[in-house]
Amino acid sequence: MPTMPKQGGPAPLSAEPAFGFCPGCGAPLNDPRPVTCERCGLTHWRNAKPCGGALVIDDGKLMLIRRAKDPFSGAWDIPGGFCEPSELPKDAAVREVYEETGLHIVVERQLGMWIDRYHCQGGVEDTLNVYFLAVPLDPVELRPDPDEVIEIGWFTPEDVPGEIAFPNHAPAVIDEWRADAG
């Protein structure tokens, strides 16, 4: 069973630096963002990293993956991930679904956007999570990537597991899908 952090609304966003030293020159950064490095003059902003995810629907059921990696190893999750440089969230969603499940999808439309915090490797990143509704392109033939996915499941709106990875925004995404489907 995955260890889930306490739920209770959106993660508080703060102006704390995402890192303590200037990537340009290595000088300490102690002020909240935006901050200008006193040594080299480089200004650092705390901008959200874009992410793309897809709610893949087949015969009224939602595909979820069980994560093989932290954060939230062992928890059910909506397939998706960070955008590559210059990649649109829609393209990231299509790529991530294929990388994680082997499934080719067709995006039908955007469902919405949610802000969250991503905790990894001792740091915190603000994220802008863009979700799309999608359907399988081909007959469903899944090939999960064992480095990323333990299991793939299909769930009706009523049967979606209660403990979902990224509890500060993913339950709201699933609720939006339920409202949209109903």
C-alpha atoms as a PDB file:
ATOM      1  CA  MET A   1       0.000   0.000   0.000  1.00  0.00           C
ATOM      2  CA  PRO A   2       1.486   3.393  -0.926  1.00  0.00           C
ATOM      3  CA  THR A   3       2.237   5.946   1.729  1.00  0.00           C
ATOM      4  CA  MET A   4       0.095   8.943   0.946  1.00  0.00           C
ATOM      5  CA  PRO A   5       0.722  12.427   2.330  1.00  0.00           C
ATOM      6  CA  LYS A   6      -2.051  14.097   4.277  1.00  0.00           C
ATOM      7  CA  GLN A   7      -4.757  15.432   1.990  1.00  0.00           C
ATOM      8  CA  GLY A   8      -6.595  18.669   2.524  1.00  0.00           C
ATOM      9  CA  GLY A   9      -6.634  21.047  -0.390  1.00  0.00           C
ATOM     10  CA  PRO A  10      -4.062  22.586  -2.652  1.00  0.00           C
ATOM     11  CA  ALA A  11      -0.428  22.585  -1.657  1.00  0.00           C
ATOM     12  CA  PRO A  12       0.550  26.010  -0.382  1.00  0.00           C
ATOM     13  CA  LEU A  13       2.661  27.893  -2.879  1.00  0.00           C
ATOM     14  CA  SER A  14       5.443  29.975  -1.433  1.00  0.00           C
ATOM     15  CA  ALA A  15       8.205  32.212  -2.664  1.00  0.00           C
ATOM     16  CA  GLU A  16      10.945  30.033  -1.158  1.00  0.00           C
ATOM     17  CA  PRO A  17      13.814  29.426  -3.561  1.00  0.00           C
ATOM     18  CA  ALA A  18      13.670  26.100  -5.392  1.00  0.00           C
ATOM     19  CA  PHE A  19      17.450  25.976  -4.978  1.00  0.00           C
ATOM     20  CA  GLY A  20      19.826  27.764  -2.608  1.00  0.00           C
ATOM     21  CA  PHE A  21      22.567  28.792  -5.041  1.00  0.00           C
ATOM     22  CA  CYS A  22      22.711  30.730  -8.303  1.00  0.00           C
ATOM     23  CA  PRO A  23      22.996  28.344 -11.270  1.00  0.00           C
ATOM     24  CA  GLY A  24      25.010  31.028 -13.075  1.00  0.00           C
ATOM     25  CA  CYS A  25      27.836  31.567 -10.586  1.00  0.00           C
ATOM     26  CA  GLY A  26      27.188  29.465  -7.469  1.00  0.00           C
ATOM     27  CA  ALA A  27      26.585  32.389  -5.083  1.00  0.00           C
ATOM     28  CA  PRO A  28      24.049  31.796  -2.270  1.00  0.00           C
ATOM     29  CA  LEU A  29      20.443  32.861  -2.932  1.00  0.00           C
ATOM     30  CA  ASN A  30      18.518  33.626   0.229  1.00  0.00           C
ATOM     31  CA  ASP A  31      15.744  35.972  -0.853  1.00  0.00           C
ATOM     32  CA  PRO A  32      12.311  34.921  -2.086  1.00  0.00           C
ATOM     33  CA  ARG A  33      11.679  34.844  -5.837  1.00  0.00           C
ATOM     34  CA  PRO A  34      12.202  36.768  -7.946  1.00  0.00           C
ATOM     35  CA  VAL A  35      15.728  37.322  -6.710  1.00  0.00           C
ATOM     36  CA  THR A  36      18.724  38.857  -8.430  1.00  0.00           C
ATOM     37  CA  CYS A  37      22.089  37.299  -7.656  1.00  0.00           C
ATOM     38  CA  GLU A  38      24.280  39.883  -5.952  1.00  0.00           C
ATOM     39  CA  ARG A  39      27.432  38.393  -7.487  1.00  0.00           C
ATOM     40  CA  CYS A  40      26.549  37.985 -11.182  1.00  0.00           C
ATOM     41  CA  GLY A  41      23.292  39.945 -11.581  1.00  0.00           C
ATOM     42  CA  LEU A  42      21.278  36.979 -12.923  1.00  0.00           C
ATOM     43  CA  THR A  43      17.583  37.218 -11.959  1.00  0.00           C
ATOM     44  CA  HIS A  44      15.870  33.995 -10.934  1.00  0.00           C
ATOM     45  CA  TRP A  45      12.108  33.476 -11.176  1.00  0.00           C
ATOM     46  CA  ARG A  46      10.021  30.687  -9.730  1.00  0.00           C
ATOM     47  CA  ASN A  47       7.947  29.645 -12.724  1.00  0.00           C
ATOM     48  CA  ALA A  48       5.748  26.580 -12.883  1.00  0.00           C
ATOM     49  CA  LYS A  49       7.011  23.699 -15.017  1.00  0.00           C
ATOM     50  CA  PRO A  50       4.474  22.592 -17.636  1.00  0.00           C
ATOM     51  CA  CYS A  51       3.177  19.024 -17.585  1.00  0.00           C
ATOM     52  CA  GLY A  52       0.797  17.088 -19.811  1.00  0.00           C
ATOM     53  CA  GLY A  53      -1.463  14.210 -18.822  1.00  0.00           C
ATOM     54  CA  ALA A  54      -4.223  12.216 -20.497  1.00  0.00           C
ATOM     55  CA  LEU A  55      -7.393  10.714 -19.150  1.00  0.00           C
ATOM     56  CA  VAL A  56      -7.653   7.815 -21.573  1.00  0.00           C
ATOM     57  CA  ILE A  57     -11.233   6.573 -21.827  1.00  0.00           C
ATOM     58  CA  ASP A  58     -12.280   3.284 -23.406  1.00  0.00           C
ATOM     59  CA  ASP A  59     -15.852   1.982 -23.165  1.00  0.00           C
ATOM     60  CA  GLY A  60     -16.604   4.494 -20.387  1.00  0.00           C
ATOM     61  CA  LYS A  61     -13.644   3.389 -18.267  1.00  0.00           C
ATOM     62  CA  LEU A  62     -10.659   5.496 -17.221  1.00  0.00           C
ATOM     63  CA  MET A  63      -7.147   4.089 -17.566  1.00  0.00           C
ATOM     64  CA  LEU A  64      -4.904   4.631 -14.544  1.00  0.00           C
ATOM     65  CA  ILE A  65      -1.361   3.422 -13.959  1.00  0.00           C
ATOM     66  CA  ARG A  66       0.149   2.242 -10.683  1.00  0.00           C
ATOM     67  CA  ARG A  67       3.430   4.123 -10.244  1.00  0.00           C
ATOM     68  CA  ALA A  68       6.722   2.210  -9.944  1.00  0.00           C
ATOM     69  CA  LYS A  69       8.721   5.290  -8.877  1.00  0.00           C
ATOM     70  CA  ASP A  70       8.626   7.950  -6.241  1.00  0.00           C
ATOM     71  CA  PRO A  71       7.032  10.221  -5.610  1.00  0.00           C
ATOM     72  CA  PHE A  72       3.961   8.143  -4.751  1.00  0.00           C
ATOM     73  CA  SER A  73       5.447   4.761  -5.686  1.00  0.00           C
ATOM     74  CA  GLY A  74       2.663   2.158  -5.612  1.00  0.00           C
ATOM     75  CA  ALA A  75      -0.171   4.697  -5.987  1.00  0.00           C
ATOM     76  CA  TRP A  76      -2.606   4.910  -8.887  1.00  0.00           C
ATOM     77  CA  ASP A  77      -2.005   7.861 -11.196  1.00  0.00           C
ATOM     78  CA  ILE A  78      -3.177   9.537 -14.373  1.00  0.00           C
ATOM     79  CA  PRO A  79      -0.573   8.928 -17.111  1.00  0.00           C
ATOM     80  CA  GLY A  80       1.499  12.022 -17.830  1.00  0.00           C
ATOM     81  CA  GLY A  81       4.664  13.913 -17.054  1.00  0.00           C
ATOM     82  CA  PHE A  82       6.851  16.947 -17.585  1.00  0.00           C
ATOM     83  CA  CYS A  83       7.052  18.616 -20.979  1.00  0.00           C
ATOM     84  CA  GLU A  84      10.350  18.401 -22.826  1.00  0.00           C
ATOM     85  CA  PRO A  85      11.877  21.752 -23.911  1.00  0.00           C
ATOM     86  CA  SER A  86       9.564  23.417 -26.489  1.00  0.00           C
ATOM     87  CA  GLU A  87       7.046  20.536 -26.212  1.00  0.00           C
ATOM     88  CA  LEU A  88       3.363  21.399 -25.920  1.00  0.00           C
ATOM     89  CA  PRO A  89       1.449  19.793 -23.009  1.00  0.00           C
ATOM     90  CA  LYS A  90      -0.816  17.947 -25.482  1.00  0.00           C
ATOM     91  CA  ASP A  91       2.223  16.393 -27.168  1.00  0.00           C
ATOM     92  CA  ALA A  92       3.746  15.557 -23.772  1.00  0.00           C
ATOM     93  CA  ALA A  93       0.516  13.770 -22.796  1.00  0.00           C
ATOM     94  CA  VAL A  94       0.555  11.666 -25.981  1.00  0.00           C
ATOM     95  CA  ARG A  95       4.272  10.862 -25.544  1.00  0.00           C
ATOM     96  CA  GLU A  96       3.968  10.009 -21.848  1.00  0.00           C
ATOM     97  CA  VAL A  97       0.988   7.694 -22.354  1.00  0.00           C
ATOM     98  CA  TYR A  98       2.937   5.834 -25.040  1.00  0.00           C
ATOM     99  CA  GLU A  99       6.146   5.678 -22.958  1.00  0.00           C
ATOM    100  CA  GLU A 100       4.329   4.473 -19.848  1.00  0.00           C
ATOM    101  CA  THR A 101       1.795   2.083 -21.412  1.00  0.00           C
ATOM    102  CA  GLY A 102       2.726   1.421 -25.057  1.00  0.00           C
ATOM    103  CA  LEU A 103      -0.688   2.786 -26.053  1.00  0.00           C
ATOM    104  CA  HIS A 104      -1.185   5.181 -28.969  1.00  0.00           C
ATOM    105  CA  ILE A 105      -3.938   7.690 -28.247  1.00  0.00           C
ATOM    106  CA  VAL A 106      -5.937  10.414 -29.947  1.00  0.00           C
ATOM    107  CA  VAL A 107      -6.554  13.531 -27.866  1.00  0.00           C
ATOM    108  CA  GLU A 108     -10.144  14.687 -28.145  1.00  0.00           C
ATOM    109  CA  ARG A 109      -9.942  17.907 -26.131  1.00  0.00           C
ATOM    110  CA  GLN A 110      -8.459  19.671 -23.137  1.00  0.00           C
ATOM    111  CA  LEU A 111     -10.142  18.950 -19.799  1.00  0.00           C
ATOM    112  CA  GLY A 112      -8.466  21.655 -17.714  1.00  0.00           C
ATOM    113  CA  MET A 113      -5.373  22.933 -15.884  1.00  0.00           C
ATOM    114  CA  TRP A 114      -4.319  22.544 -12.269  1.00  0.00           C
ATOM    115  CA  ILE A 115      -1.377  23.954 -10.257  1.00  0.00           C
ATOM    116  CA  ASP A 116       0.541  21.715  -7.827  1.00  0.00           C
ATOM    117  CA  ARG A 117       3.924  21.137  -6.189  1.00  0.00           C
ATOM    118  CA  TYR A 118       6.184  18.257  -7.238  1.00  0.00           C
ATOM    119  CA  HIS A 119       8.500  16.958  -4.494  1.00  0.00           C
ATOM    120  CA  CYS A 120      11.507  15.062  -5.774  1.00  0.00           C
ATOM    121  CA  GLN A 121      15.199  14.595  -5.084  1.00  0.00           C
ATOM    122  CA  GLY A 122      15.054  16.865  -2.056  1.00  0.00           C
ATOM    123  CA  GLY A 123      13.566  19.777  -3.999  1.00  0.00           C
ATOM    124  CA  VAL A 124      10.180  21.210  -4.828  1.00  0.00           C
ATOM    125  CA  GLU A 125       8.950  22.308  -8.250  1.00  0.00           C
ATOM    126  CA  ASP A 126       5.773  24.246  -8.965  1.00  0.00           C
ATOM    127  CA  THR A 127       3.892  22.559 -11.808  1.00  0.00           C
ATOM    128  CA  LEU A 128       1.195  23.588 -14.266  1.00  0.00           C
ATOM    129  CA  ASN A 129      -0.633  20.341 -15.063  1.00  0.00           C
ATOM    130  CA  VAL A 130      -2.671  20.348 -18.280  1.00  0.00           C
ATOM    131  CA  TYR A 131      -5.005  17.382 -18.761  1.00  0.00           C
ATOM    132  CA  PHE A 132      -6.665  16.103 -21.910  1.00  0.00           C
ATOM    133  CA  LEU A 133      -9.427  13.625 -22.664  1.00  0.00           C
ATOM    134  CA  ALA A 134      -8.203  10.920 -25.041  1.00  0.00           C
ATOM    135  CA  VAL A 135      -9.185   7.597 -26.558  1.00  0.00           C
ATOM    136  CA  PRO A 136      -7.043   4.667 -27.703  1.00  0.00           C
ATOM    137  CA  LEU A 137      -6.011   4.941 -31.359  1.00  0.00           C
ATOM    138  CA  ASP A 138      -5.609   1.207 -31.865  1.00  0.00           C
ATOM    139  CA  PRO A 139      -7.242  -1.741 -30.170  1.00  0.00           C
ATOM    140  CA  VAL A 140      -6.071  -1.666 -26.587  1.00  0.00           C
ATOM    141  CA  GLU A 141      -2.771  -3.537 -26.448  1.00  0.00           C
ATOM    142  CA  LEU A 142      -0.895  -2.388 -23.387  1.00  0.00           C
ATOM    143  CA  ARG A 143       2.842  -2.750 -22.826  1.00  0.00           C
ATOM    144  CA  PRO A 144       3.640  -1.091 -19.490  1.00  0.00           C
ATOM    145  CA  ASP A 145       7.181   0.181 -18.962  1.00  0.00           C
ATOM    146  CA  PRO A 146       8.277  -1.750 -15.840  1.00  0.00           C
ATOM    147  CA  ASP A 147      10.612   1.080 -14.832  1.00  0.00           C
ATOM    148  CA  GLU A 148       7.621   3.436 -14.526  1.00  0.00           C
ATOM    149  CA  VAL A 149       4.464   1.325 -14.223  1.00  0.00           C
ATOM    150  CA  ILE A 150       3.639  -1.600 -11.919  1.00  0.00           C
ATOM    151  CA  GLU A 151       0.133  -2.144 -13.237  1.00  0.00           C
ATOM    152  CA  ILE A 152      -2.498  -0.664 -15.555  1.00  0.00           C
ATOM    153  CA  GLY A 153      -6.160  -0.617 -14.601  1.00  0.00           C
ATOM    154  CA  TRP A 154      -9.451   0.496 -16.142  1.00  0.00           C
ATOM    155  CA  PHE A 155     -12.028   2.057 -13.820  1.00  0.00           C
ATOM    156  CA  THR A 156     -15.624   3.193 -14.096  1.00  0.00           C
ATOM    157  CA  PRO A 157     -16.350   6.626 -12.594  1.00  0.00           C
ATOM    158  CA  GLU A 158     -17.673   4.899  -9.451  1.00  0.00           C
ATOM    159  CA  ASP A 159     -14.719   2.515  -9.066  1.00  0.00           C
ATOM    160  CA  VAL A 160     -11.747   4.909  -9.248  1.00  0.00           C
ATOM    161  CA  PRO A 161      -9.470   4.149  -6.268  1.00  0.00           C
ATOM    162  CA  GLY A 162      -9.670   6.657  -3.428  1.00  0.00           C
ATOM    163  CA  GLU A 163      -5.924   7.063  -2.971  1.00  0.00           C
ATOM    164  CA  ILE A 164      -4.469   8.679  -6.068  1.00  0.00           C
ATOM    165  CA  ALA A 165      -0.944  10.042  -6.583  1.00  0.00           C
ATOM    166  CA  PHE A 166      -0.646  13.833  -6.407  1.00  0.00           C
ATOM    167  CA  PRO A 167      -3.635  14.249  -4.066  1.00  0.00           C
ATOM    168  CA  ASN A 168      -3.460  18.045  -4.183  1.00  0.00           C
ATOM    169  CA  HIS A 169      -4.801  18.105  -7.731  1.00  0.00           C
ATOM    170  CA  ALA A 170      -5.473  14.642  -9.250  1.00  0.00           C
ATOM    171  CA  PRO A 171      -8.751  14.002  -7.366  1.00  0.00           C
ATOM    172  CA  ALA A 172     -10.079  17.309  -8.758  1.00  0.00           C
ATOM    173  CA  VAL A 173      -9.055  16.213 -12.267  1.00  0.00           C
ATOM    174  CA  ILE A 174     -10.923  12.928 -11.846  1.00  0.00           C
ATOM    175  CA  ASP A 175     -13.955  14.763 -10.416  1.00  0.00           C
ATOM    176  CA  GLU A 176     -13.937  17.004 -13.495  1.00  0.00           C
ATOM    177  CA  TRP A 177     -13.902  13.882 -15.717  1.00  0.00           C
ATOM    178  CA  ARG A 178     -16.808  12.408 -13.733  1.00  0.00           C
ATOM    179  CA  ALA A 179     -18.819  15.645 -14.116  1.00  0.00           C
ATOM    180  CA  ASP A 180     -17.954  15.815 -17.809  1.00  0.00           C
ATOM    181  CA  ALA A 181     -18.948  12.175 -18.379  1.00  0.00           C
ATOM    182  CA  GLY A 182     -22.189  12.446 -16.396  1.00  0.00           C
END
